[in-house]
Amino acid sequence: MADIFEMFAGGGRGGARGPRRGDNVVHRLKVTLEELYAGTTRRMSLQRNVKCGGCSGAGTTSGRRYPCDACGGQGVQVAMRPLGPGMMQQIQVPCGACGQTGVAIPPSDRCGGCGGRGVVPEKKVFEVRVDPGHKHGARIVLRGEAGSSDPTVQPGDVVFVLEQKPHASFKRIGADLVMARDIALAEALTGFSYTVDTLEPGRRVAVVHPPGAVVRPESWARVAGEGMPHHGRPYEKGNLYVHYTVVFPDALSPAQVDGLRSLLGGGPPPPRLDAGPSSGDGDHDVPMLDGAEVVTPVPVADIEGELQARRAGARSGGGAEQSSDEEDGGGGGGRGVQCAQQ
């Protein structure tokens, strides 16, 4: 029965908490998309504190432990802090005699290898394995390799967080890759081919769009199996998606216009603006086509910028227009009231 009470009173709780562990050490490891595709091994050096081999972490040559007399080996002392008239609060403060270690080793028994600290500095080189298909932000954990400044505390973990560098050609979305490609209008209409340097060293693929397969502007194409390997299943790969932007020519010669119209089956050419009848007072003649006034559109390079400029201009001139409208629209009544008052 006493064992049961001890389990619930202290022993059980202590076992549930387990031994104390030191803090983890986190490093960011920058890797290329090629390294995430094929996998790689990096050698990283780390300075850490480990348990002294000469004294096995005791800090003494005899192995004996010397609790601090000032704090009783707790590393902290109890002090009283006044809160007000007749009121005191009991608080814990770090022990100044032992530097919060709870140990006061006499010089005669102090370990010469660690100076009584129980730990010594060590530089260790780790091999960090990046598997094929690892993602940006993935964590590679080396258990218990962080070291600790306290020999009674279990060392923490060394954690490497992968950080993918930007790539010149590809963007990664999960196991898929995305790339952009500009093609000429003639290529979009008649077919084309191009080569892509894959992430596999020395391997290239030829992407072929056969004649007759028209590629529309801002369309997408899928190349199956040319994406990233799945982590844990390196022989299964995602897809490569290509976004096509069709680059139109700035202008065409009359011969090119006639040739395209003939090949593509276009309708009759529009009339020349100076060939048809006009309507006006002589000074301001307006070209006419089938009874309608002819207007000529002007290309707009930046529609968002132009609309924003027009909205800004409308706002700056809107106040004057509104004031004018208020004078005209409500002005009759306003002037009438003013006249009546006069």
C-alpha atoms as a PDB file:
ATOM      1  CA  MET A   1       0.000   0.000   0.000  1.00  0.00           C
ATOM      2  CA  ALA A   2       2.875   2.378   0.751  1.00  0.00           C
ATOM      3  CA  ASP A   3       4.305   1.728  -2.689  1.00  0.00           C
ATOM      4  CA  ILE A   4       1.001   2.666  -4.273  1.00  0.00           C
ATOM      5  CA  PHE A   5       0.821   5.942  -2.337  1.00  0.00           C
ATOM      6  CA  GLU A   6       4.431   6.651  -3.254  1.00  0.00           C
ATOM      7  CA  MET A   7       3.631   6.064  -6.916  1.00  0.00           C
ATOM      8  CA  PHE A   8       0.812   8.606  -6.875  1.00  0.00           C
ATOM      9  CA  ALA A   9       2.540  11.054  -4.547  1.00  0.00           C
ATOM     10  CA  GLY A  10       5.914  11.327  -6.189  1.00  0.00           C
ATOM     11  CA  GLY A  11       7.354   8.320  -7.897  1.00  0.00           C
ATOM     12  CA  GLY A  12       4.713   8.136 -10.603  1.00  0.00           C
ATOM     13  CA  ARG A  13       4.919  11.832 -11.392  1.00  0.00           C
ATOM     14  CA  GLY A  14       8.703  11.783 -11.496  1.00  0.00           C
ATOM     15  CA  GLY A  15       8.689   8.843 -13.892  1.00  0.00           C
ATOM     16  CA  ALA A  16       6.148  10.571 -16.131  1.00  0.00           C
ATOM     17  CA  ARG A  17       8.299  13.672 -16.381  1.00  0.00           C
ATOM     18  CA  GLY A  18      11.399  11.673 -17.266  1.00  0.00           C
ATOM     19  CA  PRO A  19      14.962  12.976 -17.184  1.00  0.00           C
ATOM     20  CA  ARG A  20      15.683  16.587 -17.975  1.00  0.00           C
ATOM     21  CA  ARG A  21      16.768  17.346 -21.531  1.00  0.00           C
ATOM     22  CA  GLY A  22      18.818  20.188 -22.895  1.00  0.00           C
ATOM     23  CA  ASP A  23      17.645  22.575 -25.576  1.00  0.00           C
ATOM     24  CA  ASN A  24      17.641  21.590 -29.232  1.00  0.00           C
ATOM     25  CA  VAL A  25      20.054  23.277 -31.622  1.00  0.00           C
ATOM     26  CA  VAL A  26      18.425  24.342 -34.912  1.00  0.00           C
ATOM     27  CA  HIS A  27      20.373  25.112 -38.086  1.00  0.00           C
ATOM     28  CA  ARG A  28      19.011  26.196 -41.465  1.00  0.00           C
ATOM     29  CA  LEU A  29      20.549  24.226 -44.323  1.00  0.00           C
ATOM     30  CA  LYS A  30      20.312  25.807 -47.783  1.00  0.00           C
ATOM     31  CA  VAL A  31      20.002  23.292 -50.611  1.00  0.00           C
ATOM     32  CA  THR A  32      19.429  23.519 -54.368  1.00  0.00           C
ATOM     33  CA  LEU A  33      16.482  22.037 -56.211  1.00  0.00           C
ATOM     34  CA  GLU A  34      18.910  19.633 -57.873  1.00  0.00           C
ATOM     35  CA  GLU A  35      20.019  18.385 -54.440  1.00  0.00           C
ATOM     36  CA  LEU A  36      16.412  17.886 -53.382  1.00  0.00           C
ATOM     37  CA  TYR A  37      15.813  15.957 -56.619  1.00  0.00           C
ATOM     38  CA  ALA A  38      18.762  13.567 -56.461  1.00  0.00           C
ATOM     39  CA  GLY A  39      19.586  13.657 -52.752  1.00  0.00           C
ATOM     40  CA  THR A  40      22.907  14.627 -51.243  1.00  0.00           C
ATOM     41  CA  THR A  41      25.060  14.330 -48.127  1.00  0.00           C
ATOM     42  CA  ARG A  42      26.379  17.440 -46.412  1.00  0.00           C
ATOM     43  CA  ARG A  43      29.168  17.566 -43.822  1.00  0.00           C
ATOM     44  CA  MET A  44      28.432  20.081 -41.061  1.00  0.00           C
ATOM     45  CA  SER A  45      30.688  20.882 -38.091  1.00  0.00           C
ATOM     46  CA  LEU A  46      29.206  21.842 -34.710  1.00  0.00           C
ATOM     47  CA  GLN A  47      30.820  23.068 -31.484  1.00  0.00           C
ATOM     48  CA  ARG A  48      29.130  21.547 -28.436  1.00  0.00           C
ATOM     49  CA  ASN A  49      29.729  20.615 -24.774  1.00  0.00           C
ATOM     50  CA  VAL A  50      29.919  16.936 -23.874  1.00  0.00           C
ATOM     51  CA  LYS A  51      30.385  15.045 -20.614  1.00  0.00           C
ATOM     52  CA  CYS A  52      33.999  15.030 -19.464  1.00  0.00           C
ATOM     53  CA  GLY A  53      35.593  11.649 -20.066  1.00  0.00           C
ATOM     54  CA  GLY A  54      38.144  12.072 -17.283  1.00  0.00           C
ATOM     55  CA  CYS A  55      35.584  12.365 -14.506  1.00  0.00           C
ATOM     56  CA  SER A  56      32.462  10.991 -16.260  1.00  0.00           C
ATOM     57  CA  GLY A  57      30.744  14.320 -15.681  1.00  0.00           C
ATOM     58  CA  ALA A  58      31.229  14.353 -11.918  1.00  0.00           C
ATOM     59  CA  GLY A  59      33.660  17.264 -11.988  1.00  0.00           C
ATOM     60  CA  THR A  60      35.854  15.578  -9.314  1.00  0.00           C
ATOM     61  CA  THR A  61      38.773  13.176  -9.507  1.00  0.00           C
ATOM     62  CA  SER A  62      37.304  11.007  -6.749  1.00  0.00           C
ATOM     63  CA  GLY A  63      33.844  10.907  -8.271  1.00  0.00           C
ATOM     64  CA  ARG A  64      32.410  12.336  -5.076  1.00  0.00           C
ATOM     65  CA  ARG A  65      29.713  14.990  -5.172  1.00  0.00           C
ATOM     66  CA  TYR A  66      29.984  18.064  -2.965  1.00  0.00           C
ATOM     67  CA  PRO A  67      26.633  19.769  -2.440  1.00  0.00           C
ATOM     68  CA  CYS A  68      26.811  23.497  -1.867  1.00  0.00           C
ATOM     69  CA  ASP A  69      26.377  24.328   1.816  1.00  0.00           C
ATOM     70  CA  ALA A  70      24.727  27.665   1.058  1.00  0.00           C
ATOM     71  CA  CYS A  71      21.827  26.250  -0.975  1.00  0.00           C
ATOM     72  CA  GLY A  72      21.915  22.584   0.050  1.00  0.00           C
ATOM     73  CA  GLY A  73      22.716  21.503  -3.496  1.00  0.00           C
ATOM     74  CA  GLN A  74      19.559  23.067  -4.960  1.00  0.00           C
ATOM     75  CA  GLY A  75      21.254  25.873  -6.864  1.00  0.00           C
ATOM     76  CA  VAL A  76      18.734  28.376  -5.481  1.00  0.00           C
ATOM     77  CA  GLN A  77      18.179  30.041  -2.142  1.00  0.00           C
ATOM     78  CA  VAL A  78      15.013  31.195  -0.457  1.00  0.00           C
ATOM     79  CA  ALA A  79      14.711  34.907   0.212  1.00  0.00           C
ATOM     80  CA  MET A  80      11.979  37.139   1.604  1.00  0.00           C
ATOM     81  CA  ARG A  81      10.718  40.131  -0.342  1.00  0.00           C
ATOM     82  CA  PRO A  82       8.583  42.835   1.313  1.00  0.00           C
ATOM     83  CA  LEU A  83       5.265  43.538  -0.386  1.00  0.00           C
ATOM     84  CA  GLY A  84       4.011  46.213   1.933  1.00  0.00           C
ATOM     85  CA  PRO A  85       3.600  47.098   5.613  1.00  0.00           C
ATOM     86  CA  GLY A  86       3.697  43.810   7.510  1.00  0.00           C
ATOM     87  CA  MET A  87       3.578  41.732   4.310  1.00  0.00           C
ATOM     88  CA  MET A  88       6.413  39.526   3.002  1.00  0.00           C
ATOM     89  CA  GLN A  89       6.721  37.169   0.047  1.00  0.00           C
ATOM     90  CA  GLN A  90       8.965  34.124  -0.114  1.00  0.00           C
ATOM     91  CA  ILE A  91      10.882  33.864  -3.400  1.00  0.00           C
ATOM     92  CA  GLN A  92      13.710  31.787  -4.865  1.00  0.00           C
ATOM     93  CA  VAL A  93      16.904  33.451  -6.072  1.00  0.00           C
ATOM     94  CA  PRO A  94      19.987  31.925  -7.761  1.00  0.00           C
ATOM     95  CA  CYS A  95      22.658  30.821  -5.326  1.00  0.00           C
ATOM     96  CA  GLY A  96      25.653  33.105  -5.553  1.00  0.00           C
ATOM     97  CA  ALA A  97      27.997  30.727  -3.745  1.00  0.00           C
ATOM     98  CA  CYS A  98      27.894  27.962  -6.340  1.00  0.00           C
ATOM     99  CA  GLY A  99      26.728  29.893  -9.386  1.00  0.00           C
ATOM    100  CA  GLN A 100      23.388  28.029  -9.408  1.00  0.00           C
ATOM    101  CA  THR A 101      25.126  24.654  -9.978  1.00  0.00           C
ATOM    102  CA  GLY A 102      24.343  23.266  -6.528  1.00  0.00           C
ATOM    103  CA  VAL A 103      27.930  21.984  -6.254  1.00  0.00           C
ATOM    104  CA  ALA A 104      30.942  23.390  -4.383  1.00  0.00           C
ATOM    105  CA  ILE A 105      34.014  21.301  -5.265  1.00  0.00           C
ATOM    106  CA  PRO A 106      37.180  21.844  -3.221  1.00  0.00           C
ATOM    107  CA  PRO A 107      40.263  22.629  -5.343  1.00  0.00           C
ATOM    108  CA  SER A 108      42.046  19.482  -4.145  1.00  0.00           C
ATOM    109  CA  ASP A 109      39.452  17.193  -5.710  1.00  0.00           C
ATOM    110  CA  ARG A 110      38.580  19.260  -8.771  1.00  0.00           C
ATOM    111  CA  CYS A 111      38.966  17.508 -12.165  1.00  0.00           C
ATOM    112  CA  GLY A 112      41.754  19.103 -14.164  1.00  0.00           C
ATOM    113  CA  GLY A 113      40.225  18.148 -17.517  1.00  0.00           C
ATOM    114  CA  CYS A 114      37.009  20.106 -17.090  1.00  0.00           C
ATOM    115  CA  GLY A 115      37.871  22.392 -14.168  1.00  0.00           C
ATOM    116  CA  GLY A 116      35.037  20.919 -12.134  1.00  0.00           C
ATOM    117  CA  ARG A 117      32.338  21.757 -14.663  1.00  0.00           C
ATOM    118  CA  GLY A 118      31.777  18.138 -15.697  1.00  0.00           C
ATOM    119  CA  VAL A 119      31.669  19.051 -19.413  1.00  0.00           C
ATOM    120  CA  VAL A 120      34.313  19.855 -22.010  1.00  0.00           C
ATOM    121  CA  PRO A 121      33.971  21.568 -25.417  1.00  0.00           C
ATOM    122  CA  GLU A 122      34.080  19.365 -28.489  1.00  0.00           C
ATOM    123  CA  LYS A 123      33.901  19.993 -32.238  1.00  0.00           C
ATOM    124  CA  LYS A 124      32.115  17.269 -34.156  1.00  0.00           C
ATOM    125  CA  VAL A 125      31.476  16.870 -37.883  1.00  0.00           C
ATOM    126  CA  PHE A 126      28.036  15.492 -38.778  1.00  0.00           C
ATOM    127  CA  GLU A 127      26.938  13.922 -42.042  1.00  0.00           C
ATOM    128  CA  VAL A 128      23.486  15.226 -42.929  1.00  0.00           C
ATOM    129  CA  ARG A 129      21.643  13.058 -45.432  1.00  0.00           C
ATOM    130  CA  VAL A 130      19.137  14.849 -47.701  1.00  0.00           C
ATOM    131  CA  ASP A 131      16.894  12.244 -49.316  1.00  0.00           C
ATOM    132  CA  PRO A 132      15.490  12.531 -52.860  1.00  0.00           C
ATOM    133  CA  GLY A 133      12.145  14.319 -52.692  1.00  0.00           C
ATOM    134  CA  HIS A 134      12.782  16.154 -49.424  1.00  0.00           C
ATOM    135  CA  LYS A 135      10.782  19.399 -49.358  1.00  0.00           C
ATOM    136  CA  HIS A 136      11.489  22.967 -48.375  1.00  0.00           C
ATOM    137  CA  GLY A 137      11.056  23.234 -44.606  1.00  0.00           C
ATOM    138  CA  ALA A 138      11.686  19.532 -43.948  1.00  0.00           C
ATOM    139  CA  ARG A 139      13.441  18.770 -40.652  1.00  0.00           C
ATOM    140  CA  ILE A 140      16.342  16.334 -40.328  1.00  0.00           C
ATOM    141  CA  VAL A 141      16.818  15.435 -36.646  1.00  0.00           C
ATOM    142  CA  LEU A 142      19.971  13.994 -35.090  1.00  0.00           C
ATOM    143  CA  ARG A 143      18.850  12.687 -31.695  1.00  0.00           C
ATOM    144  CA  GLY A 144      20.913  13.608 -28.651  1.00  0.00           C
ATOM    145  CA  GLU A 145      23.710  15.287 -30.591  1.00  0.00           C
ATOM    146  CA  ALA A 146      23.316  18.859 -29.314  1.00  0.00           C
ATOM    147  CA  GLY A 147      25.418  18.456 -26.169  1.00  0.00           C
ATOM    148  CA  SER A 148      24.664  20.178 -22.874  1.00  0.00           C
ATOM    149  CA  SER A 149      26.308  22.569 -20.441  1.00  0.00           C
ATOM    150  CA  ASP A 150      25.061  20.467 -17.507  1.00  0.00           C
ATOM    151  CA  PRO A 151      26.376  16.881 -17.189  1.00  0.00           C
ATOM    152  CA  THR A 152      23.218  15.827 -15.334  1.00  0.00           C
ATOM    153  CA  VAL A 153      20.980  16.858 -18.235  1.00  0.00           C
ATOM    154  CA  GLN A 154      20.461  14.692 -21.291  1.00  0.00           C
ATOM    155  CA  PRO A 155      21.653  16.463 -24.450  1.00  0.00           C
ATOM    156  CA  GLY A 156      19.086  17.848 -26.849  1.00  0.00           C
ATOM    157  CA  ASP A 157      18.749  17.207 -30.593  1.00  0.00           C
ATOM    158  CA  VAL A 158      20.466  18.822 -33.542  1.00  0.00           C
ATOM    159  CA  VAL A 159      17.769  19.842 -36.048  1.00  0.00           C
ATOM    160  CA  PHE A 160      18.548  20.840 -39.628  1.00  0.00           C
ATOM    161  CA  VAL A 161      15.744  22.692 -41.422  1.00  0.00           C
ATOM    162  CA  LEU A 162      16.014  22.517 -45.226  1.00  0.00           C
ATOM    163  CA  GLU A 163      15.740  25.820 -47.087  1.00  0.00           C
ATOM    164  CA  GLN A 164      15.380  25.532 -50.873  1.00  0.00           C
ATOM    165  CA  LYS A 165      17.241  28.061 -52.991  1.00  0.00           C
ATOM    166  CA  PRO A 166      15.368  29.710 -55.915  1.00  0.00           C
ATOM    167  CA  HIS A 167      15.798  27.981 -59.268  1.00  0.00           C
ATOM    168  CA  ALA A 168      16.325  29.738 -62.590  1.00  0.00           C
ATOM    169  CA  SER A 169      13.870  27.580 -64.578  1.00  0.00           C
ATOM    170  CA  PHE A 170      11.522  25.688 -62.270  1.00  0.00           C
ATOM    171  CA  LYS A 171       9.138  26.338 -59.424  1.00  0.00           C
ATOM    172  CA  ARG A 172       8.120  23.467 -57.208  1.00  0.00           C
ATOM    173  CA  ILE A 173       4.576  22.721 -56.069  1.00  0.00           C
ATOM    174  CA  GLY A 174       4.596  19.528 -54.027  1.00  0.00           C
ATOM    175  CA  ALA A 175       6.016  16.828 -56.277  1.00  0.00           C
ATOM    176  CA  ASP A 176       5.286  18.821 -59.466  1.00  0.00           C
ATOM    177  CA  LEU A 177       7.462  21.313 -61.314  1.00  0.00           C
ATOM    178  CA  VAL A 178       6.248  24.414 -63.160  1.00  0.00           C
ATOM    179  CA  MET A 179       8.083  26.350 -65.849  1.00  0.00           C
ATOM    180  CA  ALA A 180       7.242  29.176 -68.282  1.00  0.00           C
ATOM    181  CA  ARG A 181       7.954  29.262 -72.013  1.00  0.00           C
ATOM    182  CA  ASP A 182       7.535  32.028 -74.625  1.00  0.00           C
ATOM    183  CA  ILE A 183       6.681  30.891 -78.158  1.00  0.00           C
ATOM    184  CA  ALA A 184       6.205  32.814 -81.379  1.00  0.00           C
ATOM    185  CA  LEU A 185       2.795  33.070 -83.051  1.00  0.00           C
ATOM    186  CA  ALA A 186       4.027  30.986 -85.985  1.00  0.00           C
ATOM    187  CA  GLU A 187       5.152  28.258 -83.556  1.00  0.00           C
ATOM    188  CA  ALA A 188       1.810  28.286 -81.786  1.00  0.00           C
ATOM    189  CA  LEU A 189       0.016  27.768 -85.114  1.00  0.00           C
ATOM    190  CA  THR A 190       2.370  25.395 -86.916  1.00  0.00           C
ATOM    191  CA  GLY A 191       4.078  23.334 -84.168  1.00  0.00           C
ATOM    192  CA  PHE A 192       7.461  23.568 -82.481  1.00  0.00           C
ATOM    193  CA  SER A 193       9.938  21.736 -80.265  1.00  0.00           C
ATOM    194  CA  TYR A 194      12.492  22.665 -77.626  1.00  0.00           C
ATOM    195  CA  THR A 195      14.782  20.951 -75.130  1.00  0.00           C
ATOM    196  CA  VAL A 196      14.699  21.157 -71.345  1.00  0.00           C
ATOM    197  CA  ASP A 197      17.614  20.479 -69.014  1.00  0.00           C
ATOM    198  CA  THR A 198      16.127  18.300 -66.292  1.00  0.00           C
ATOM    199  CA  LEU A 199      17.219  18.263 -62.665  1.00  0.00           C
ATOM    200  CA  GLU A 200      18.902  14.910 -63.260  1.00  0.00           C
ATOM    201  CA  PRO A 201      22.568  15.649 -64.072  1.00  0.00           C
ATOM    202  CA  GLY A 202      23.353  15.318 -67.784  1.00  0.00           C
ATOM    203  CA  ARG A 203      19.783  14.458 -68.813  1.00  0.00           C
ATOM    204  CA  ARG A 204      17.760  16.509 -71.302  1.00  0.00           C
ATOM    205  CA  VAL A 205      14.301  15.952 -72.759  1.00  0.00           C
ATOM    206  CA  ALA A 206      12.895  17.211 -76.069  1.00  0.00           C
ATOM    207  CA  VAL A 207       9.349  18.585 -75.849  1.00  0.00           C
ATOM    208  CA  VAL A 208       7.596  18.291 -79.238  1.00  0.00           C
ATOM    209  CA  HIS A 209       4.299  19.922 -80.223  1.00  0.00           C
ATOM    210  CA  PRO A 210       3.422  18.398 -83.617  1.00  0.00           C
ATOM    211  CA  PRO A 211       2.057  20.472 -86.520  1.00  0.00           C
ATOM    212  CA  GLY A 212      -1.669  21.009 -86.334  1.00  0.00           C
ATOM    213  CA  ALA A 213      -1.812  21.038 -82.509  1.00  0.00           C
ATOM    214  CA  VAL A 214      -2.501  24.740 -82.007  1.00  0.00           C
ATOM    215  CA  VAL A 215      -1.258  26.178 -78.714  1.00  0.00           C
ATOM    216  CA  ARG A 216      -3.519  28.926 -77.429  1.00  0.00           C
ATOM    217  CA  PRO A 217      -2.168  31.963 -75.554  1.00  0.00           C
ATOM    218  CA  GLU A 218      -1.764  31.474 -71.780  1.00  0.00           C
ATOM    219  CA  SER A 219      -2.368  27.723 -72.082  1.00  0.00           C
ATOM    220  CA  TRP A 220      -0.758  24.902 -70.127  1.00  0.00           C
ATOM    221  CA  ALA A 221       0.780  21.578 -71.123  1.00  0.00           C
ATOM    222  CA  ARG A 222       1.637  18.563 -68.974  1.00  0.00           C
ATOM    223  CA  VAL A 223       4.760  16.409 -69.340  1.00  0.00           C
ATOM    224  CA  ALA A 224       4.061  13.340 -67.243  1.00  0.00           C
ATOM    225  CA  GLY A 225       6.703  11.923 -64.924  1.00  0.00           C
ATOM    226  CA  GLU A 226       9.205  14.785 -65.262  1.00  0.00           C
ATOM    227  CA  GLY A 227       8.607  16.344 -61.862  1.00  0.00           C
ATOM    228  CA  MET A 228      10.160  15.747 -58.433  1.00  0.00           C
ATOM    229  CA  PRO A 229      10.500  12.307 -56.838  1.00  0.00           C
ATOM    230  CA  HIS A 230       8.152  11.505 -53.957  1.00  0.00           C
ATOM    231  CA  HIS A 231       9.968  11.365 -50.633  1.00  0.00           C
ATOM    232  CA  GLY A 232      10.296   7.729 -49.654  1.00  0.00           C
ATOM    233  CA  ARG A 233       9.308   6.613 -53.167  1.00  0.00           C
ATOM    234  CA  PRO A 234      12.088   8.051 -55.352  1.00  0.00           C
ATOM    235  CA  TYR A 235      11.067   6.072 -58.449  1.00  0.00           C
ATOM    236  CA  GLU A 236       7.635   7.730 -58.478  1.00  0.00           C
ATOM    237  CA  LYS A 237       7.773  11.273 -59.826  1.00  0.00           C
ATOM    238  CA  GLY A 238       5.388  14.153 -60.262  1.00  0.00           C
ATOM    239  CA  ASN A 239       4.654  16.029 -63.477  1.00  0.00           C
ATOM    240  CA  LEU A 240       6.184  18.987 -65.276  1.00  0.00           C
ATOM    241  CA  TYR A 241       3.698  21.715 -66.216  1.00  0.00           C
ATOM    242  CA  VAL A 242       4.611  24.281 -68.863  1.00  0.00           C
ATOM    243  CA  HIS A 243       2.856  27.644 -69.165  1.00  0.00           C
ATOM    244  CA  TYR A 244       2.959  29.061 -72.699  1.00  0.00           C
ATOM    245  CA  THR A 245       2.902  32.742 -73.553  1.00  0.00           C
ATOM    246  CA  VAL A 246       2.371  33.399 -77.264  1.00  0.00           C
ATOM    247  CA  VAL A 247       4.447  36.372 -78.412  1.00  0.00           C
ATOM    248  CA  PHE A 248       2.631  38.257 -81.178  1.00  0.00           C
ATOM    249  CA  PRO A 249       4.524  40.369 -83.729  1.00  0.00           C
ATOM    250  CA  ASP A 250       4.300  44.136 -83.358  1.00  0.00           C
ATOM    251  CA  ALA A 251       3.292  44.635 -87.008  1.00  0.00           C
ATOM    252  CA  LEU A 252       2.916  42.800 -90.336  1.00  0.00           C
ATOM    253  CA  SER A 253       3.770  43.848 -93.850  1.00  0.00           C
ATOM    254  CA  PRO A 254       0.974  44.031 -96.461  1.00  0.00           C
ATOM    255  CA  ALA A 255       2.331  40.893 -98.109  1.00  0.00           C
ATOM    256  CA  GLN A 256       2.283  39.011 -94.808  1.00  0.00           C
ATOM    257  CA  VAL A 257      -1.264  40.192 -94.145  1.00  0.00           C
ATOM    258  CA  ASP A 258      -2.459  38.999 -97.547  1.00  0.00           C
ATOM    259  CA  GLY A 259      -0.662  35.687 -97.159  1.00  0.00           C
ATOM    260  CA  LEU A 260      -2.133  35.005 -93.713  1.00  0.00           C
ATOM    261  CA  ARG A 261      -5.612  35.977 -94.845  1.00  0.00           C
ATOM    262  CA  SER A 262      -5.364  33.584 -97.749  1.00  0.00           C
ATOM    263  CA  LEU A 263      -3.963  30.713 -95.652  1.00  0.00           C
ATOM    264  CA  LEU A 264      -6.297  31.126 -92.694  1.00  0.00           C
ATOM    265  CA  GLY A 265      -9.435  31.817 -94.719  1.00  0.00           C
ATOM    266  CA  GLY A 266     -10.032  35.318 -93.430  1.00  0.00           C
ATOM    267  CA  GLY A 267     -12.748  37.612 -94.732  1.00  0.00           C
ATOM    268  CA  PRO A 268     -12.269  40.531 -97.106  1.00  0.00           C
ATOM    269  CA  PRO A 269      -9.876  43.214 -95.943  1.00  0.00           C
ATOM    270  CA  PRO A 270     -11.348  46.299 -94.290  1.00  0.00           C
ATOM    271  CA  PRO A 271     -11.664  49.355 -96.542  1.00  0.00           C
ATOM    272  CA  ARG A 272      -9.065  52.059 -96.437  1.00  0.00           C
ATOM    273  CA  LEU A 273     -10.162  54.968 -94.305  1.00  0.00           C
ATOM    274  CA  ASP A 274      -9.629  57.444 -97.128  1.00  0.00           C
ATOM    275  CA  ALA A 275     -11.487  55.350 -99.686  1.00  0.00           C
ATOM    276  CA  GLY A 276     -15.065  55.564 -98.480  1.00  0.00           C
ATOM    277  CA  PRO A 277     -17.527  58.417 -98.260  1.00  0.00           C
ATOM    278  CA  SER A 278     -17.365  60.923 -95.455  1.00  0.00           C
ATOM    279  CA  SER A 279     -19.813  62.988 -93.511  1.00  0.00           C
ATOM    280  CA  GLY A 280     -19.183  66.388 -92.040  1.00  0.00           C
ATOM    281  CA  ASP A 281     -19.032  70.071 -92.700  1.00  0.00           C
ATOM    282  CA  GLY A 282     -15.951  69.927 -94.870  1.00  0.00           C
ATOM    283  CA  ASP A 283     -13.523  70.975 -92.183  1.00  0.00           C
ATOM    284  CA  HIS A 284     -14.129  67.925 -89.989  1.00  0.00           C
ATOM    285  CA  ASP A 285     -14.981  65.078 -92.349  1.00  0.00           C
ATOM    286  CA  VAL A 286     -15.736  61.756 -90.645  1.00  0.00           C
ATOM    287  CA  PRO A 287     -15.108  58.527 -92.611  1.00  0.00           C
ATOM    288  CA  MET A 288     -18.237  56.383 -92.979  1.00  0.00           C
ATOM    289  CA  LEU A 289     -18.675  52.626 -93.495  1.00  0.00           C
ATOM    290  CA  ASP A 290     -22.126  51.148 -94.147  1.00  0.00           C
ATOM    291  CA  GLY A 291     -23.739  54.184 -92.589  1.00  0.00           C
ATOM    292  CA  ALA A 292     -21.559  54.079 -89.473  1.00  0.00           C
ATOM    293  CA  GLU A 293     -18.812  56.424 -88.392  1.00  0.00           C
ATOM    294  CA  VAL A 294     -15.391  54.754 -88.573  1.00  0.00           C
ATOM    295  CA  VAL A 295     -13.303  54.764 -85.390  1.00  0.00           C
ATOM    296  CA  THR A 296      -9.721  53.526 -85.075  1.00  0.00           C
ATOM    297  CA  PRO A 297      -8.644  51.820 -81.833  1.00  0.00           C
ATOM    298  CA  VAL A 298      -5.274  52.690 -80.321  1.00  0.00           C
ATOM    299  CA  PRO A 299      -3.223  49.914 -78.664  1.00  0.00           C
ATOM    300  CA  VAL A 300      -2.939  50.192 -74.867  1.00  0.00           C
ATOM    301  CA  ALA A 301       0.280  48.782 -73.439  1.00  0.00           C
ATOM    302  CA  ASP A 302      -0.713  48.992 -69.750  1.00  0.00           C
ATOM    303  CA  ILE A 303      -4.476  48.898 -69.211  1.00  0.00           C
ATOM    304  CA  GLU A 304      -4.257  48.911 -65.404  1.00  0.00           C
ATOM    305  CA  GLY A 305      -1.970  51.923 -65.398  1.00  0.00           C
ATOM    306  CA  GLU A 306      -4.186  53.795 -67.841  1.00  0.00           C
ATOM    307  CA  LEU A 307      -7.376  53.085 -65.888  1.00  0.00           C
ATOM    308  CA  GLN A 308      -5.730  54.125 -62.631  1.00  0.00           C
ATOM    309  CA  ALA A 309      -4.561  57.370 -64.238  1.00  0.00           C
ATOM    310  CA  ARG A 310      -8.062  58.042 -65.526  1.00  0.00           C
ATOM    311  CA  ARG A 311      -9.609  57.361 -62.133  1.00  0.00           C
ATOM    312  CA  ALA A 312      -7.078  59.680 -60.514  1.00  0.00           C
ATOM    313  CA  GLY A 313      -7.882  62.362 -63.081  1.00  0.00           C
ATOM    314  CA  ALA A 314     -11.612  61.919 -62.526  1.00  0.00           C
ATOM    315  CA  ARG A 315     -11.155  62.282 -58.770  1.00  0.00           C
ATOM    316  CA  SER A 316      -9.041  65.408 -59.106  1.00  0.00           C
ATOM    317  CA  GLY A 317     -11.530  67.030 -61.506  1.00  0.00           C
ATOM    318  CA  GLY A 318     -14.615  65.488 -59.947  1.00  0.00           C
ATOM    319  CA  GLY A 319     -14.829  68.069 -57.210  1.00  0.00           C
ATOM    320  CA  ALA A 320     -15.078  70.943 -59.654  1.00  0.00           C
ATOM    321  CA  GLU A 321     -17.613  69.032 -61.755  1.00  0.00           C
ATOM    322  CA  GLN A 322     -19.674  68.254 -58.686  1.00  0.00           C
ATOM    323  CA  SER A 323     -19.592  71.856 -57.532  1.00  0.00           C
ATOM    324  CA  SER A 324     -20.676  72.949 -60.986  1.00  0.00           C
ATOM    325  CA  ASP A 325     -23.469  70.365 -60.998  1.00  0.00           C
ATOM    326  CA  GLU A 326     -24.640  71.453 -57.585  1.00  0.00           C
ATOM    327  CA  GLU A 327     -24.730  75.066 -58.733  1.00  0.00           C
ATOM    328  CA  ASP A 328     -26.628  74.121 -61.879  1.00  0.00           C
ATOM    329  CA  GLY A 329     -28.841  71.340 -60.523  1.00  0.00           C
ATOM    330  CA  GLY A 330     -29.748  72.763 -57.144  1.00  0.00           C
ATOM    331  CA  GLY A 331     -28.706  76.234 -58.053  1.00  0.00           C
ATOM    332  CA  GLY A 332     -32.045  77.294 -59.376  1.00  0.00           C
ATOM    333  CA  GLY A 333     -33.599  76.740 -56.016  1.00  0.00           C
ATOM    334  CA  GLY A 334     -30.569  78.152 -54.262  1.00  0.00           C
ATOM    335  CA  ARG A 335     -30.599  81.321 -56.312  1.00  0.00           C
ATOM    336  CA  GLY A 336     -34.349  81.590 -55.869  1.00  0.00           C
ATOM    337  CA  VAL A 337     -34.014  81.389 -52.129  1.00  0.00           C
ATOM    338  CA  GLN A 338     -31.190  83.889 -52.198  1.00  0.00           C
ATOM    339  CA  CYS A 339     -33.247  86.289 -54.308  1.00  0.00           C
ATOM    340  CA  ALA A 340     -36.211  85.852 -52.017  1.00  0.00           C
ATOM    341  CA  GLN A 341     -34.068  86.686 -49.032  1.00  0.00           C
ATOM    342  CA  GLN A 342     -32.829  89.775 -50.785  1.00  0.00           C
END
